[in-house]
């Protein structure tokens, strides 16, 4: 309980926490506002419509997760280790609260979007397609924990954020091109967390399968993301076992 209180206080007293979530929540509202002034006929928004900018929210959560690197930079983990019973208590507490904040922020963003859609002209809300909300929630916590894991491993907030971004923007594209030449590389492609996140819950209108040019089934995407989630938490705990100067 001491670790939970300590990490919650730390997060709530940082301006960066509030700024991050204000930006993340508001950025999800931009498509709702734009739709209100561009559609010519009344339109009902379901969860898919309320989460059109979901990947921006997801990558902001990756940054939020990577912010744990600041604790290492300022040696706040040493203070936590000296004042708490277990060396890993602060990590588990931080992971808990950051995941809680990511999910709570997503719910607040959806509720705000629903309120806007009710008030703005030409829009209404229907709470259907719950799978889109679940998919966004899973993507958010996985990318957040990727940020945590890589920041703990590299001892850097910048690297913790840059690695998932580089994976999504560069490495995934290279793997797709390479897999068309060397079929064995498709298995690396199937393990990419950012590619799984991009496909989860998205319907491209084509049959799903395990070809390089296909979207993989959602059950497979969710399974891989859950595996990465567990792996990143374990990586953070292992990285925390290094000696503190």
C-alpha atoms as a PDB file:
ATOM      1  CA  UNK A   1       0.000   0.000   0.000  1.00  0.00           C
ATOM      2  CA  UNK A   2       2.892   2.355   0.751  1.00  0.00           C
ATOM      3  CA  UNK A   3       4.253   1.878  -2.768  1.00  0.00           C
ATOM      4  CA  UNK A   4       0.833   2.457  -4.338  1.00  0.00           C
ATOM      5  CA  UNK A   5       0.333   5.691  -2.394  1.00  0.00           C
ATOM      6  CA  UNK A   6       3.839   6.888  -3.173  1.00  0.00           C
ATOM      7  CA  UNK A   7       3.578   6.294  -6.936  1.00  0.00           C
ATOM      8  CA  UNK A   8       0.080   7.768  -7.128  1.00  0.00           C
ATOM      9  CA  UNK A   9       1.244  10.915  -5.348  1.00  0.00           C
ATOM     10  CA  UNK A  10       4.243  11.137  -7.649  1.00  0.00           C
ATOM     11  CA  UNK A  11       2.108  10.900 -10.798  1.00  0.00           C
ATOM     12  CA  UNK A  12      -0.570  13.320  -9.591  1.00  0.00           C
ATOM     13  CA  UNK A  13       1.937  15.985  -8.596  1.00  0.00           C
ATOM     14  CA  UNK A  14       3.658  16.003 -11.994  1.00  0.00           C
ATOM     15  CA  UNK A  15       2.371  18.630 -14.438  1.00  0.00           C
ATOM     16  CA  UNK A  16       3.415  16.358 -17.286  1.00  0.00           C
ATOM     17  CA  UNK A  17       0.816  13.772 -16.223  1.00  0.00           C
ATOM     18  CA  UNK A  18      -2.008  16.296 -16.465  1.00  0.00           C
ATOM     19  CA  UNK A  19      -0.737  17.816 -19.711  1.00  0.00           C
ATOM     20  CA  UNK A  20      -0.342  14.376 -21.295  1.00  0.00           C
ATOM     21  CA  UNK A  21      -3.901  13.360 -20.513  1.00  0.00           C
ATOM     22  CA  UNK A  22      -5.469  16.684 -21.451  1.00  0.00           C
ATOM     23  CA  UNK A  23      -3.805  16.392 -24.877  1.00  0.00           C
ATOM     24  CA  UNK A  24      -4.663  12.695 -25.224  1.00  0.00           C
ATOM     25  CA  UNK A  25      -8.341  13.194 -24.336  1.00  0.00           C
ATOM     26  CA  UNK A  26      -8.805  16.315 -26.460  1.00  0.00           C
ATOM     27  CA  UNK A  27      -7.120  14.814 -29.500  1.00  0.00           C
ATOM     28  CA  UNK A  28      -9.815  12.136 -29.634  1.00  0.00           C
ATOM     29  CA  UNK A  29     -12.451  14.860 -29.868  1.00  0.00           C
ATOM     30  CA  UNK A  30     -11.073  16.477 -33.036  1.00  0.00           C
ATOM     31  CA  UNK A  31     -12.651  13.960 -35.486  1.00  0.00           C
ATOM     32  CA  UNK A  32     -16.005  14.281 -33.688  1.00  0.00           C
ATOM     33  CA  UNK A  33     -15.987  18.070 -34.074  1.00  0.00           C
ATOM     34  CA  UNK A  34     -14.832  17.861 -37.696  1.00  0.00           C
ATOM     35  CA  UNK A  35     -17.555  15.343 -38.545  1.00  0.00           C
ATOM     36  CA  UNK A  36     -20.183  17.618 -37.043  1.00  0.00           C
ATOM     37  CA  UNK A  37     -19.366  20.363 -39.544  1.00  0.00           C
ATOM     38  CA  UNK A  38     -18.678  18.176 -42.583  1.00  0.00           C
ATOM     39  CA  UNK A  39     -21.502  15.621 -42.691  1.00  0.00           C
ATOM     40  CA  UNK A  40     -24.551  16.706 -44.644  1.00  0.00           C
ATOM     41  CA  UNK A  41     -27.005  14.217 -43.124  1.00  0.00           C
ATOM     42  CA  UNK A  42     -27.617  13.140 -39.501  1.00  0.00           C
ATOM     43  CA  UNK A  43     -25.014  10.596 -38.417  1.00  0.00           C
ATOM     44  CA  UNK A  44     -24.952   8.243 -35.417  1.00  0.00           C
ATOM     45  CA  UNK A  45     -21.526   7.613 -33.903  1.00  0.00           C
ATOM     46  CA  UNK A  46     -20.765   4.255 -32.307  1.00  0.00           C
ATOM     47  CA  UNK A  47     -17.533   3.454 -30.454  1.00  0.00           C
ATOM     48  CA  UNK A  48     -15.680   3.166 -33.747  1.00  0.00           C
ATOM     49  CA  UNK A  49     -16.795   6.683 -34.675  1.00  0.00           C
ATOM     50  CA  UNK A  50     -15.869   8.065 -31.268  1.00  0.00           C
ATOM     51  CA  UNK A  51     -12.384   6.549 -31.531  1.00  0.00           C
ATOM     52  CA  UNK A  52     -11.325   7.599 -35.024  1.00  0.00           C
ATOM     53  CA  UNK A  53      -8.078   9.076 -33.644  1.00  0.00           C
ATOM     54  CA  UNK A  54      -7.364   6.056 -31.465  1.00  0.00           C
ATOM     55  CA  UNK A  55      -3.790   5.478 -32.679  1.00  0.00           C
ATOM     56  CA  UNK A  56      -2.812   8.998 -31.621  1.00  0.00           C
ATOM     57  CA  UNK A  57      -4.123   8.230 -28.137  1.00  0.00           C
ATOM     58  CA  UNK A  58      -2.278   4.902 -28.172  1.00  0.00           C
ATOM     59  CA  UNK A  59       1.092   6.486 -29.018  1.00  0.00           C
ATOM     60  CA  UNK A  60       0.591   9.217 -26.432  1.00  0.00           C
ATOM     61  CA  UNK A  61       0.192   6.381 -23.932  1.00  0.00           C
ATOM     62  CA  UNK A  62       3.511   4.968 -25.145  1.00  0.00           C
ATOM     63  CA  UNK A  63       5.079   8.323 -24.254  1.00  0.00           C
ATOM     64  CA  UNK A  64       3.327   8.287 -20.880  1.00  0.00           C
ATOM     65  CA  UNK A  65       4.759   4.831 -20.194  1.00  0.00           C
ATOM     66  CA  UNK A  66       8.244   5.905 -21.274  1.00  0.00           C
ATOM     67  CA  UNK A  67       8.110   8.808 -18.803  1.00  0.00           C
ATOM     68  CA  UNK A  68       9.221   6.320 -16.164  1.00  0.00           C
ATOM     69  CA  UNK A  69      12.692   6.957 -17.548  1.00  0.00           C
ATOM     70  CA  UNK A  70      12.719  10.288 -15.682  1.00  0.00           C
ATOM     71  CA  UNK A  71      12.579   8.409 -12.384  1.00  0.00           C
ATOM     72  CA  UNK A  72      15.737   6.579 -13.377  1.00  0.00           C
ATOM     73  CA  UNK A  73      17.385   9.764 -14.616  1.00  0.00           C
ATOM     74  CA  UNK A  74      16.842  11.507 -11.278  1.00  0.00           C
ATOM     75  CA  UNK A  75      17.521   8.324  -9.246  1.00  0.00           C
ATOM     76  CA  UNK A  76      14.042   8.329  -7.729  1.00  0.00           C
ATOM     77  CA  UNK A  77      14.051   4.546  -7.975  1.00  0.00           C
ATOM     78  CA  UNK A  78      16.884   4.483  -5.445  1.00  0.00           C
ATOM     79  CA  UNK A  79      14.728   6.434  -2.995  1.00  0.00           C
ATOM     80  CA  UNK A  80      11.854   4.012  -3.581  1.00  0.00           C
ATOM     81  CA  UNK A  81      14.065   0.996  -3.001  1.00  0.00           C
ATOM     82  CA  UNK A  82      15.322   2.437   0.297  1.00  0.00           C
ATOM     83  CA  UNK A  83      11.865   3.243   1.656  1.00  0.00           C
ATOM     84  CA  UNK A  84       9.861   0.206   0.478  1.00  0.00           C
ATOM     85  CA  UNK A  85       9.956  -3.426   1.538  1.00  0.00           C
ATOM     86  CA  UNK A  86      10.649  -4.899  -1.897  1.00  0.00           C
ATOM     87  CA  UNK A  87      13.040  -3.676  -4.546  1.00  0.00           C
ATOM     88  CA  UNK A  88      10.328  -4.154  -7.181  1.00  0.00           C
ATOM     89  CA  UNK A  89       7.409  -2.651  -5.256  1.00  0.00           C
ATOM     90  CA  UNK A  90       7.662   0.716  -6.960  1.00  0.00           C
ATOM     91  CA  UNK A  91       7.677  -0.898 -10.418  1.00  0.00           C
ATOM     92  CA  UNK A  92       4.500  -2.883  -9.816  1.00  0.00           C
ATOM     93  CA  UNK A  93       2.836   0.181  -8.277  1.00  0.00           C
ATOM     94  CA  UNK A  94       3.865   2.407 -11.205  1.00  0.00           C
ATOM     95  CA  UNK A  95       2.716  -0.139 -13.782  1.00  0.00           C
ATOM     96  CA  UNK A  96      -0.624  -0.468 -11.992  1.00  0.00           C
ATOM     97  CA  UNK A  97      -1.283   3.267 -11.845  1.00  0.00           C
ATOM     98  CA  UNK A  98      -0.097   4.030 -15.361  1.00  0.00           C
ATOM     99  CA  UNK A  99      -2.321   1.306 -16.796  1.00  0.00           C
ATOM    100  CA  UNK A 100      -5.212   2.555 -14.645  1.00  0.00           C
ATOM    101  CA  UNK A 101      -4.689   6.113 -15.882  1.00  0.00           C
ATOM    102  CA  UNK A 102      -4.563   4.954 -19.516  1.00  0.00           C
ATOM    103  CA  UNK A 103      -7.877   3.115 -19.207  1.00  0.00           C
ATOM    104  CA  UNK A 104      -9.529   5.866 -17.155  1.00  0.00           C
ATOM    105  CA  UNK A 105      -8.374   8.474 -19.670  1.00  0.00           C
ATOM    106  CA  UNK A 106      -9.831   6.428 -22.512  1.00  0.00           C
ATOM    107  CA  UNK A 107     -13.201   6.153 -20.768  1.00  0.00           C
ATOM    108  CA  UNK A 108     -13.240   9.897 -20.071  1.00  0.00           C
ATOM    109  CA  UNK A 109     -12.369  10.614 -23.697  1.00  0.00           C
ATOM    110  CA  UNK A 110     -15.219   8.402 -24.935  1.00  0.00           C
ATOM    111  CA  UNK A 111     -17.700  10.004 -22.532  1.00  0.00           C
ATOM    112  CA  UNK A 112     -16.600  13.483 -23.611  1.00  0.00           C
ATOM    113  CA  UNK A 113     -16.900  12.477 -27.267  1.00  0.00           C
ATOM    114  CA  UNK A 114     -20.398  11.114 -26.631  1.00  0.00           C
ATOM    115  CA  UNK A 115     -21.386  14.365 -24.889  1.00  0.00           C
ATOM    116  CA  UNK A 116     -20.056  16.413 -27.809  1.00  0.00           C
ATOM    117  CA  UNK A 117     -21.864  14.241 -30.337  1.00  0.00           C
ATOM    118  CA  UNK A 118     -25.088  14.816 -28.417  1.00  0.00           C
ATOM    119  CA  UNK A 119     -24.638  18.588 -28.339  1.00  0.00           C
ATOM    120  CA  UNK A 120     -23.166  19.250 -31.787  1.00  0.00           C
ATOM    121  CA  UNK A 121     -25.393  19.437 -34.880  1.00  0.00           C
ATOM    122  CA  UNK A 122     -25.878  16.486 -37.251  1.00  0.00           C
ATOM    123  CA  UNK A 123     -24.530  13.938 -34.755  1.00  0.00           C
ATOM    124  CA  UNK A 124     -25.965  11.460 -32.271  1.00  0.00           C
ATOM    125  CA  UNK A 125     -24.585   8.550 -30.263  1.00  0.00           C
ATOM    126  CA  UNK A 126     -25.320   4.853 -30.238  1.00  0.00           C
ATOM    127  CA  UNK A 127     -23.303   2.680 -27.892  1.00  0.00           C
ATOM    128  CA  UNK A 128     -22.584  -0.238 -30.211  1.00  0.00           C
ATOM    129  CA  UNK A 129     -19.407  -1.940 -31.468  1.00  0.00           C
ATOM    130  CA  UNK A 130     -18.027  -2.456 -27.974  1.00  0.00           C
ATOM    131  CA  UNK A 131     -15.249  -4.529 -29.536  1.00  0.00           C
ATOM    132  CA  UNK A 132     -13.710  -1.301 -30.860  1.00  0.00           C
ATOM    133  CA  UNK A 133     -13.523   0.106 -27.342  1.00  0.00           C
ATOM    134  CA  UNK A 134     -11.974  -3.126 -26.066  1.00  0.00           C
ATOM    135  CA  UNK A 135      -9.456  -3.198 -28.918  1.00  0.00           C
ATOM    136  CA  UNK A 136      -8.412   0.407 -28.238  1.00  0.00           C
ATOM    137  CA  UNK A 137      -8.060  -0.321 -24.520  1.00  0.00           C
ATOM    138  CA  UNK A 138      -5.797  -3.315 -25.230  1.00  0.00           C
ATOM    139  CA  UNK A 139      -3.676  -1.338 -27.712  1.00  0.00           C
ATOM    140  CA  UNK A 140      -3.302   1.494 -25.196  1.00  0.00           C
ATOM    141  CA  UNK A 141      -2.054  -0.648 -22.336  1.00  0.00           C
ATOM    142  CA  UNK A 142       0.273  -2.683 -24.568  1.00  0.00           C
ATOM    143  CA  UNK A 143       1.932   0.389 -26.114  1.00  0.00           C
ATOM    144  CA  UNK A 144       2.105   2.009 -22.680  1.00  0.00           C
ATOM    145  CA  UNK A 145       3.922  -1.028 -21.315  1.00  0.00           C
ATOM    146  CA  UNK A 146       6.204  -1.094 -24.342  1.00  0.00           C
ATOM    147  CA  UNK A 147       7.204   2.429 -23.345  1.00  0.00           C
ATOM    148  CA  UNK A 148       7.733   1.344 -19.741  1.00  0.00           C
ATOM    149  CA  UNK A 149       9.748  -1.740 -20.663  1.00  0.00           C
ATOM    150  CA  UNK A 150      12.046  -0.072 -23.174  1.00  0.00           C
ATOM    151  CA  UNK A 151      12.538   3.000 -20.963  1.00  0.00           C
ATOM    152  CA  UNK A 152      13.531   0.758 -18.052  1.00  0.00           C
ATOM    153  CA  UNK A 153      15.871  -1.251 -20.270  1.00  0.00           C
ATOM    154  CA  UNK A 154      17.601   1.757 -21.852  1.00  0.00           C
ATOM    155  CA  UNK A 155      17.314   4.085 -18.822  1.00  0.00           C
ATOM    156  CA  UNK A 156      15.909   6.717 -21.199  1.00  0.00           C
ATOM    157  CA  UNK A 157      12.489   8.296 -21.726  1.00  0.00           C
ATOM    158  CA  UNK A 158      13.420   9.271 -25.285  1.00  0.00           C
ATOM    159  CA  UNK A 159      14.469   5.720 -26.191  1.00  0.00           C
ATOM    160  CA  UNK A 160      11.384   4.270 -24.507  1.00  0.00           C
ATOM    161  CA  UNK A 161       9.209   6.369 -26.805  1.00  0.00           C
ATOM    162  CA  UNK A 162      11.429   6.177 -29.899  1.00  0.00           C
ATOM    163  CA  UNK A 163      11.620   2.379 -30.064  1.00  0.00           C
ATOM    164  CA  UNK A 164       7.836   1.768 -30.421  1.00  0.00           C
ATOM    165  CA  UNK A 165       7.630   4.667 -32.903  1.00  0.00           C
ATOM    166  CA  UNK A 166      10.543   3.333 -34.947  1.00  0.00           C
ATOM    167  CA  UNK A 167       8.923  -0.104 -34.864  1.00  0.00           C
ATOM    168  CA  UNK A 168       5.636   1.286 -36.201  1.00  0.00           C
ATOM    169  CA  UNK A 169       6.995   3.754 -38.759  1.00  0.00           C
ATOM    170  CA  UNK A 170      10.149   2.045 -40.049  1.00  0.00           C
ATOM    171  CA  UNK A 171      10.753  -1.539 -38.979  1.00  0.00           C
ATOM    172  CA  UNK A 172       7.241  -2.799 -39.717  1.00  0.00           C
ATOM    173  CA  UNK A 173       7.407  -1.451 -43.275  1.00  0.00           C
ATOM    174  CA  UNK A 174      10.827  -2.994 -43.804  1.00  0.00           C
ATOM    175  CA  UNK A 175       9.589  -6.341 -42.496  1.00  0.00           C
ATOM    176  CA  UNK A 176       6.611  -6.260 -44.855  1.00  0.00           C
ATOM    177  CA  UNK A 177       8.904  -5.642 -47.845  1.00  0.00           C
ATOM    178  CA  UNK A 178      11.445  -8.234 -46.730  1.00  0.00           C
ATOM    179  CA  UNK A 179       8.743 -10.846 -46.090  1.00  0.00           C
ATOM    180  CA  UNK A 180       7.692 -10.690 -49.736  1.00  0.00           C
ATOM    181  CA  UNK A 181      11.225 -11.819 -50.644  1.00  0.00           C
ATOM    182  CA  UNK A 182      12.028 -14.173 -47.749  1.00  0.00           C
ATOM    183  CA  UNK A 183       8.941 -16.027 -46.545  1.00  0.00           C
ATOM    184  CA  UNK A 184      10.518 -17.031 -43.223  1.00  0.00           C
ATOM    185  CA  UNK A 185      10.596 -13.368 -42.167  1.00  0.00           C
ATOM    186  CA  UNK A 186       6.812 -13.275 -42.046  1.00  0.00           C
ATOM    187  CA  UNK A 187       6.994 -14.907 -38.617  1.00  0.00           C
ATOM    188  CA  UNK A 188       8.886 -11.862 -37.327  1.00  0.00           C
ATOM    189  CA  UNK A 189       6.198  -9.743 -38.943  1.00  0.00           C
ATOM    190  CA  UNK A 190       3.512 -11.674 -37.108  1.00  0.00           C
ATOM    191  CA  UNK A 191       5.233 -10.935 -33.787  1.00  0.00           C
ATOM    192  CA  UNK A 192       5.348  -7.155 -34.276  1.00  0.00           C
ATOM    193  CA  UNK A 193       3.346  -5.514 -31.458  1.00  0.00           C
ATOM    194  CA  UNK A 194       2.739  -2.263 -33.339  1.00  0.00           C
ATOM    195  CA  UNK A 195       1.510  -4.085 -36.454  1.00  0.00           C
ATOM    196  CA  UNK A 196      -0.806  -6.251 -34.315  1.00  0.00           C
ATOM    197  CA  UNK A 197      -2.110  -3.082 -32.653  1.00  0.00           C
ATOM    198  CA  UNK A 198      -2.758  -1.464 -36.023  1.00  0.00           C
ATOM    199  CA  UNK A 199      -4.751  -4.470 -37.250  1.00  0.00           C
ATOM    200  CA  UNK A 200      -6.707  -5.248 -34.088  1.00  0.00           C
ATOM    201  CA  UNK A 201     -10.337  -4.277 -34.493  1.00  0.00           C
ATOM    202  CA  UNK A 202      -9.802  -2.761 -37.955  1.00  0.00           C
ATOM    203  CA  UNK A 203     -11.849  -4.117 -40.850  1.00  0.00           C
ATOM    204  CA  UNK A 204     -10.157  -3.651 -44.225  1.00  0.00           C
ATOM    205  CA  UNK A 205     -12.934  -5.502 -46.017  1.00  0.00           C
ATOM    206  CA  UNK A 206     -10.699  -8.448 -46.995  1.00  0.00           C
ATOM    207  CA  UNK A 207     -10.615 -12.001 -45.590  1.00  0.00           C
ATOM    208  CA  UNK A 208      -8.168 -12.463 -42.737  1.00  0.00           C
ATOM    209  CA  UNK A 209      -5.467 -15.115 -42.727  1.00  0.00           C
ATOM    210  CA  UNK A 210      -1.749 -15.645 -42.295  1.00  0.00           C
ATOM    211  CA  UNK A 211      -0.500 -14.438 -45.639  1.00  0.00           C
ATOM    212  CA  UNK A 212       1.943 -11.530 -45.786  1.00  0.00           C
ATOM    213  CA  UNK A 213      -0.581  -9.467 -47.731  1.00  0.00           C
ATOM    214  CA  UNK A 214      -3.435 -10.237 -45.315  1.00  0.00           C
ATOM    215  CA  UNK A 215      -4.597  -8.905 -41.967  1.00  0.00           C
ATOM    216  CA  UNK A 216      -4.239 -11.583 -39.319  1.00  0.00           C
ATOM    217  CA  UNK A 217      -7.273 -12.772 -37.271  1.00  0.00           C
ATOM    218  CA  UNK A 218      -8.156 -10.587 -34.291  1.00  0.00           C
ATOM    219  CA  UNK A 219      -7.791 -13.478 -31.845  1.00  0.00           C
ATOM    220  CA  UNK A 220      -4.172 -13.845 -32.982  1.00  0.00           C
ATOM    221  CA  UNK A 221      -3.508 -10.099 -32.794  1.00  0.00           C
ATOM    222  CA  UNK A 222      -4.938  -9.964 -29.257  1.00  0.00           C
ATOM    223  CA  UNK A 223      -2.893 -13.003 -28.190  1.00  0.00           C
ATOM    224  CA  UNK A 224       0.372 -11.491 -29.440  1.00  0.00           C
ATOM    225  CA  UNK A 225      -0.407  -8.149 -27.768  1.00  0.00           C
ATOM    226  CA  UNK A 226      -1.127  -9.870 -24.442  1.00  0.00           C
ATOM    227  CA  UNK A 227       2.178 -11.745 -24.729  1.00  0.00           C
ATOM    228  CA  UNK A 228       4.005  -8.437 -25.297  1.00  0.00           C
ATOM    229  CA  UNK A 229       2.180  -6.936 -22.327  1.00  0.00           C
ATOM    230  CA  UNK A 230       3.454  -9.671 -19.999  1.00  0.00           C
ATOM    231  CA  UNK A 231       6.934  -9.540 -21.549  1.00  0.00           C
ATOM    232  CA  UNK A 232       7.273  -5.779 -21.029  1.00  0.00           C
ATOM    233  CA  UNK A 233       6.231  -5.969 -17.378  1.00  0.00           C
ATOM    234  CA  UNK A 234       8.789  -8.742 -16.812  1.00  0.00           C
ATOM    235  CA  UNK A 235      11.416  -6.698 -18.678  1.00  0.00           C
ATOM    236  CA  UNK A 236      10.735  -3.689 -16.455  1.00  0.00           C
ATOM    237  CA  UNK A 237      11.066  -5.808 -13.300  1.00  0.00           C
ATOM    238  CA  UNK A 238      14.281  -7.434 -14.560  1.00  0.00           C
ATOM    239  CA  UNK A 239      15.796  -4.079 -15.550  1.00  0.00           C
ATOM    240  CA  UNK A 240      14.969  -2.731 -12.093  1.00  0.00           C
ATOM    241  CA  UNK A 241      17.205  -5.362 -10.495  1.00  0.00           C
ATOM    242  CA  UNK A 242      20.344  -3.608 -11.734  1.00  0.00           C
ATOM    243  CA  UNK A 243      22.477  -1.937  -9.101  1.00  0.00           C
ATOM    244  CA  UNK A 244      21.576   1.651  -8.328  1.00  0.00           C
ATOM    245  CA  UNK A 245      24.445   4.087  -8.120  1.00  0.00           C
END
